[in-house]
Amino acid sequence: MEKACMAAYQSGDFVKAEFEDVRTGEKEWMWVRVDYADDDKQLVFGSLDSQPVLDHGGGLKLGSQLAVTYDNILQCRKASE
């Protein structure tokens, strides 16, 4: 599957990333609002902009601060869209 938005991510962008509940193995896709990205380490830092459907051990909720690897990003919406 080809990923959209292969260029560097900017503050204010939204990326759709995959999250797995490690206890059940279930996965879901959620939006993350980008604060900043580290292209060298292939990481996006930001806040969760979706309400999780899965439990994720209670560790994820709307607004959670997190880091996402570029490998887990499927889609990107630029802040200007």
C-alpha atoms as a PDB file:
ATOM      1  CA  MET A   1       0.000   0.000   0.000  1.00  0.00           C
ATOM      2  CA  GLU A   2       1.431   3.373  -0.976  1.00  0.00           C
ATOM      3  CA  LYS A   3       1.541   5.934   1.772  1.00  0.00           C
ATOM      4  CA  ALA A   4       0.266   9.434   1.168  1.00  0.00           C
ATOM      5  CA  CYS A   5       2.342  12.396   2.347  1.00  0.00           C
ATOM      6  CA  MET A   6       5.903  11.055   2.245  1.00  0.00           C
ATOM      7  CA  ALA A   7       7.448  14.500   2.831  1.00  0.00           C
ATOM      8  CA  ALA A   8       8.388  15.788   6.265  1.00  0.00           C
ATOM      9  CA  TYR A   9       5.486  16.418   8.602  1.00  0.00           C
ATOM     10  CA  GLN A  10       4.893  19.943   9.893  1.00  0.00           C
ATOM     11  CA  SER A  11       3.372  21.351  13.064  1.00  0.00           C
ATOM     12  CA  GLY A  12      -0.410  21.437  12.707  1.00  0.00           C
ATOM     13  CA  ASP A  13      -0.568  18.535  10.234  1.00  0.00           C
ATOM     14  CA  PHE A  14      -2.675  15.482  11.057  1.00  0.00           C
ATOM     15  CA  VAL A  15      -1.390  11.955  10.542  1.00  0.00           C
ATOM     16  CA  LYS A  16      -3.457   8.776  10.672  1.00  0.00           C
ATOM     17  CA  ALA A  17      -1.497   6.152  12.576  1.00  0.00           C
ATOM     18  CA  GLU A  18      -2.047   2.546  13.535  1.00  0.00           C
ATOM     19  CA  PHE A  19      -2.370   1.657  17.209  1.00  0.00           C
ATOM     20  CA  GLU A  20      -2.425  -1.887  18.545  1.00  0.00           C
ATOM     21  CA  ASP A  21      -3.894  -3.059  21.834  1.00  0.00           C
ATOM     22  CA  VAL A  22      -0.991  -5.244  22.979  1.00  0.00           C
ATOM     23  CA  ARG A  23      -3.255  -7.327  25.215  1.00  0.00           C
ATOM     24  CA  THR A  24      -5.746  -8.325  22.509  1.00  0.00           C
ATOM     25  CA  GLY A  25      -3.818  -7.719  19.277  1.00  0.00           C
ATOM     26  CA  GLU A  26      -6.698  -5.608  17.930  1.00  0.00           C
ATOM     27  CA  LYS A  27      -5.720  -2.573  15.880  1.00  0.00           C
ATOM     28  CA  GLU A  28      -7.329   0.742  15.073  1.00  0.00           C
ATOM     29  CA  TRP A  29      -6.411   3.829  13.064  1.00  0.00           C
ATOM     30  CA  MET A  30      -6.519   7.206  14.789  1.00  0.00           C
ATOM     31  CA  TRP A  31      -5.574  10.773  13.966  1.00  0.00           C
ATOM     32  CA  VAL A  32      -2.628  12.491  15.658  1.00  0.00           C
ATOM     33  CA  ARG A  33      -2.110  16.269  15.503  1.00  0.00           C
ATOM     34  CA  VAL A  34       1.583  16.900  14.821  1.00  0.00           C
ATOM     35  CA  ASP A  35       3.555  19.133  17.198  1.00  0.00           C
ATOM     36  CA  TYR A  36       6.887  18.405  15.520  1.00  0.00           C
ATOM     37  CA  ALA A  37       8.668  15.688  13.579  1.00  0.00           C
ATOM     38  CA  ASP A  38      12.206  14.304  13.705  1.00  0.00           C
ATOM     39  CA  ASP A  39      13.070  13.157  10.180  1.00  0.00           C
ATOM     40  CA  ASP A  40      16.382  11.636  11.293  1.00  0.00           C
ATOM     41  CA  LYS A  41      14.709   9.400  13.882  1.00  0.00           C
ATOM     42  CA  GLN A  42      11.559   8.981  11.746  1.00  0.00           C
ATOM     43  CA  LEU A  43       9.267  10.063  14.604  1.00  0.00           C
ATOM     44  CA  VAL A  44       6.251  12.349  14.845  1.00  0.00           C
ATOM     45  CA  PHE A  45       5.448  13.883  18.230  1.00  0.00           C
ATOM     46  CA  GLY A  46       1.957  15.137  18.901  1.00  0.00           C
ATOM     47  CA  SER A  47      -1.394  14.626  20.584  1.00  0.00           C
ATOM     48  CA  LEU A  48      -4.085  12.063  19.903  1.00  0.00           C
ATOM     49  CA  ASP A  49      -6.961  13.737  18.036  1.00  0.00           C
ATOM     50  CA  SER A  50      -9.313  10.721  18.026  1.00  0.00           C
ATOM     51  CA  GLN A  51     -11.308   9.023  20.753  1.00  0.00           C
ATOM     52  CA  PRO A  52     -10.030   5.417  20.987  1.00  0.00           C
ATOM     53  CA  VAL A  53     -12.615   2.682  20.479  1.00  0.00           C
ATOM     54  CA  LEU A  54     -10.367  -0.024  21.934  1.00  0.00           C
ATOM     55  CA  ASP A  55      -9.232  -0.027  25.572  1.00  0.00           C
ATOM     56  CA  HIS A  56      -5.430  -0.025  25.000  1.00  0.00           C
ATOM     57  CA  GLY A  57      -5.048  -0.795  28.693  1.00  0.00           C
ATOM     58  CA  GLY A  58      -6.467   2.620  29.565  1.00  0.00           C
ATOM     59  CA  GLY A  59      -3.245   4.224  28.316  1.00  0.00           C
ATOM     60  CA  LEU A  60      -4.655   6.139  25.356  1.00  0.00           C
ATOM     61  CA  LYS A  61      -7.280   8.862  25.419  1.00  0.00           C
ATOM     62  CA  LEU A  62      -8.170  11.947  23.437  1.00  0.00           C
ATOM     63  CA  GLY A  63      -5.329  14.462  23.881  1.00  0.00           C
ATOM     64  CA  SER A  64      -2.682  11.931  24.964  1.00  0.00           C
ATOM     65  CA  GLN A  65       0.852  13.093  24.138  1.00  0.00           C
ATOM     66  CA  LEU A  66       2.747  10.498  22.146  1.00  0.00           C
ATOM     67  CA  ALA A  67       5.389   9.660  19.571  1.00  0.00           C
ATOM     68  CA  VAL A  68       4.569   7.735  16.393  1.00  0.00           C
ATOM     69  CA  THR A  69       7.073   6.123  14.037  1.00  0.00           C
ATOM     70  CA  TYR A  70       6.820   7.026  10.368  1.00  0.00           C
ATOM     71  CA  ASP A  71       6.286   3.299   9.654  1.00  0.00           C
ATOM     72  CA  ASN A  72       2.929   3.434  11.497  1.00  0.00           C
ATOM     73  CA  ILE A  73       1.604   6.392   9.493  1.00  0.00           C
ATOM     74  CA  LEU A  74      -0.810   5.641   6.676  1.00  0.00           C
ATOM     75  CA  GLN A  75      -2.161   9.055   5.755  1.00  0.00           C
ATOM     76  CA  CYS A  76      -1.433  12.747   6.241  1.00  0.00           C
ATOM     77  CA  ARG A  77      -3.613  15.847   6.065  1.00  0.00           C
ATOM     78  CA  LYS A  78      -1.694  19.083   5.809  1.00  0.00           C
ATOM     79  CA  ALA A  79      -2.710  21.886   8.175  1.00  0.00           C
ATOM     80  CA  SER A  80      -3.741  23.959   5.135  1.00  0.00           C
ATOM     81  CA  GLU A  81      -6.324  21.379   3.955  1.00  0.00           C
END
